[in-house]
Amino acid sequence: MQGTRKDRKRGIGRYPGNRVPRDGLQAGVRLMSHYHGERRDAEIIQRTDGSLLVRTDAGEYRSLTAAAQAITGYATNGWAFWRLAD
């Protein structure tokens, strides 16, 4: 499955790659996405309190969805937006 029809129209989910495993999200995992023809990279980091954050060039976010929304500027399913990086 490659995101919703609306996501595909916006250019999300068109690029192949391994989806982010919902049960395997851990510190050090590198993610990528393509948005408007540009590659976007992210990394999962762990804070000192043990919580995980998504670090992108736009900042650090508490969820995949928040990081995706910061890049796109609108509500986006972060699980559909991000892929495991090569």
C-alpha atoms as a PDB file:
ATOM      1  CA  MET A   1       0.000   0.000   0.000  1.00  0.00           C
ATOM      2  CA  GLN A   2       1.396   3.392  -0.915  1.00  0.00           C
ATOM      3  CA  GLY A   3      -0.514   6.002   1.062  1.00  0.00           C
ATOM      4  CA  THR A   4      -3.932   7.431   0.319  1.00  0.00           C
ATOM      5  CA  ARG A   5      -5.070   8.663  -3.064  1.00  0.00           C
ATOM      6  CA  LYS A   6      -4.806  12.242  -1.816  1.00  0.00           C
ATOM      7  CA  ASP A   7      -1.240  11.571  -0.625  1.00  0.00           C
ATOM      8  CA  ARG A   8      -0.295  10.149  -4.020  1.00  0.00           C
ATOM      9  CA  LYS A   9      -1.628  13.281  -5.735  1.00  0.00           C
ATOM     10  CA  ARG A  10       0.574  15.368  -3.463  1.00  0.00           C
ATOM     11  CA  GLY A  11       3.632  13.291  -4.323  1.00  0.00           C
ATOM     12  CA  ILE A  12       3.729  11.253  -1.126  1.00  0.00           C
ATOM     13  CA  GLY A  13       4.199   7.496  -1.284  1.00  0.00           C
ATOM     14  CA  ARG A  14       5.207   7.354  -4.938  1.00  0.00           C
ATOM     15  CA  TYR A  15       8.745   6.248  -4.270  1.00  0.00           C
ATOM     16  CA  PRO A  16       9.518   2.626  -3.480  1.00  0.00           C
ATOM     17  CA  GLY A  17      11.221   1.637  -0.304  1.00  0.00           C
ATOM     18  CA  ASN A  18      10.695  -0.223   2.888  1.00  0.00           C
ATOM     19  CA  ARG A  19       7.978   1.141   5.082  1.00  0.00           C
ATOM     20  CA  VAL A  20       8.877   2.083   8.629  1.00  0.00           C
ATOM     21  CA  PRO A  21       8.091  -0.914  10.872  1.00  0.00           C
ATOM     22  CA  ARG A  22       5.567   0.093  13.518  1.00  0.00           C
ATOM     23  CA  ASP A  23       7.092  -2.220  16.083  1.00  0.00           C
ATOM     24  CA  GLY A  24      10.753  -1.630  15.228  1.00  0.00           C
ATOM     25  CA  LEU A  25      11.203   2.112  15.666  1.00  0.00           C
ATOM     26  CA  GLN A  26      14.382   2.633  17.667  1.00  0.00           C
ATOM     27  CA  ALA A  27      17.226   5.114  18.039  1.00  0.00           C
ATOM     28  CA  GLY A  28      19.648   5.230  15.126  1.00  0.00           C
ATOM     29  CA  VAL A  29      17.136   4.300  12.416  1.00  0.00           C
ATOM     30  CA  ARG A  30      17.566   6.517   9.345  1.00  0.00           C
ATOM     31  CA  LEU A  31      14.537   7.527   7.325  1.00  0.00           C
ATOM     32  CA  MET A  32      13.965   9.208   3.995  1.00  0.00           C
ATOM     33  CA  SER A  33      11.162  10.543   1.873  1.00  0.00           C
ATOM     34  CA  HIS A  34      10.719  12.388  -1.384  1.00  0.00           C
ATOM     35  CA  TYR A  35       8.557  15.494  -1.395  1.00  0.00           C
ATOM     36  CA  HIS A  36       8.144  17.661  -4.487  1.00  0.00           C
ATOM     37  CA  GLY A  37      11.068  15.887  -6.114  1.00  0.00           C
ATOM     38  CA  GLU A  38      13.482  16.489  -3.238  1.00  0.00           C
ATOM     39  CA  ARG A  39      14.838  13.857  -0.898  1.00  0.00           C
ATOM     40  CA  ARG A  40      14.226  14.516   2.798  1.00  0.00           C
ATOM     41  CA  ASP A  41      16.206  12.697   5.471  1.00  0.00           C
ATOM     42  CA  ALA A  42      15.488  12.045   9.124  1.00  0.00           C
ATOM     43  CA  GLU A  43      16.940  10.044  11.975  1.00  0.00           C
ATOM     44  CA  ILE A  44      15.381   8.609  15.109  1.00  0.00           C
ATOM     45  CA  ILE A  45      17.254   9.791  18.185  1.00  0.00           C
ATOM     46  CA  GLN A  46      16.842   8.971  21.861  1.00  0.00           C
ATOM     47  CA  ARG A  47      16.705  11.664  24.518  1.00  0.00           C
ATOM     48  CA  THR A  48      18.268  11.246  27.935  1.00  0.00           C
ATOM     49  CA  ASP A  49      14.841  10.439  29.425  1.00  0.00           C
ATOM     50  CA  GLY A  50      14.492   7.507  27.006  1.00  0.00           C
ATOM     51  CA  SER A  51      11.886   9.028  24.698  1.00  0.00           C
ATOM     52  CA  LEU A  52      12.402   8.983  20.936  1.00  0.00           C
ATOM     53  CA  LEU A  53      12.477  12.006  18.626  1.00  0.00           C
ATOM     54  CA  VAL A  54      12.556  12.395  14.862  1.00  0.00           C
ATOM     55  CA  ARG A  55      15.407  14.715  13.819  1.00  0.00           C
ATOM     56  CA  THR A  56      15.171  16.404  10.417  1.00  0.00           C
ATOM     57  CA  ASP A  57      16.890  19.414   8.925  1.00  0.00           C
ATOM     58  CA  ALA A  58      13.761  21.353   9.994  1.00  0.00           C
ATOM     59  CA  GLY A  59      14.069  20.392  13.684  1.00  0.00           C
ATOM     60  CA  GLU A  60      13.240  17.663  16.179  1.00  0.00           C
ATOM     61  CA  TYR A  61       9.732  16.243  16.503  1.00  0.00           C
ATOM     62  CA  ARG A  62       7.960  13.838  18.835  1.00  0.00           C
ATOM     63  CA  SER A  63       6.353  11.806  16.042  1.00  0.00           C
ATOM     64  CA  LEU A  64       6.785  10.788  12.423  1.00  0.00           C
ATOM     65  CA  THR A  65       3.575  12.653  11.619  1.00  0.00           C
ATOM     66  CA  ALA A  66       4.735  15.914  13.212  1.00  0.00           C
ATOM     67  CA  ALA A  67       7.999  15.730  11.238  1.00  0.00           C
ATOM     68  CA  ALA A  68       6.115  15.066   7.992  1.00  0.00           C
ATOM     69  CA  GLN A  69       3.696  17.929   8.664  1.00  0.00           C
ATOM     70  CA  ALA A  70       6.587  20.318   9.257  1.00  0.00           C
ATOM     71  CA  ILE A  71       7.961  19.460   5.819  1.00  0.00           C
ATOM     72  CA  THR A  72       4.697  19.453   3.869  1.00  0.00           C
ATOM     73  CA  GLY A  73       2.854  22.222   5.685  1.00  0.00           C
ATOM     74  CA  TYR A  74      -0.378  20.211   5.948  1.00  0.00           C
ATOM     75  CA  ALA A  75      -1.782  17.168   7.737  1.00  0.00           C
ATOM     76  CA  THR A  76       0.179  14.127   6.587  1.00  0.00           C
ATOM     77  CA  ASN A  77       0.322  10.511   7.717  1.00  0.00           C
ATOM     78  CA  GLY A  78       3.920  10.183   8.916  1.00  0.00           C
ATOM     79  CA  TRP A  79       3.874   6.388   8.627  1.00  0.00           C
ATOM     80  CA  ALA A  80       3.030   6.699   4.917  1.00  0.00           C
ATOM     81  CA  PHE A  81       5.404   9.638   4.322  1.00  0.00           C
ATOM     82  CA  TRP A  82       8.657   8.126   5.650  1.00  0.00           C
ATOM     83  CA  ARG A  83      10.583   5.095   4.391  1.00  0.00           C
ATOM     84  CA  LEU A  84      13.663   3.328   5.734  1.00  0.00           C
ATOM     85  CA  ALA A  85      16.765   4.919   4.199  1.00  0.00           C
ATOM     86  CA  ASP A  86      19.084   2.839   2.055  1.00  0.00           C
END
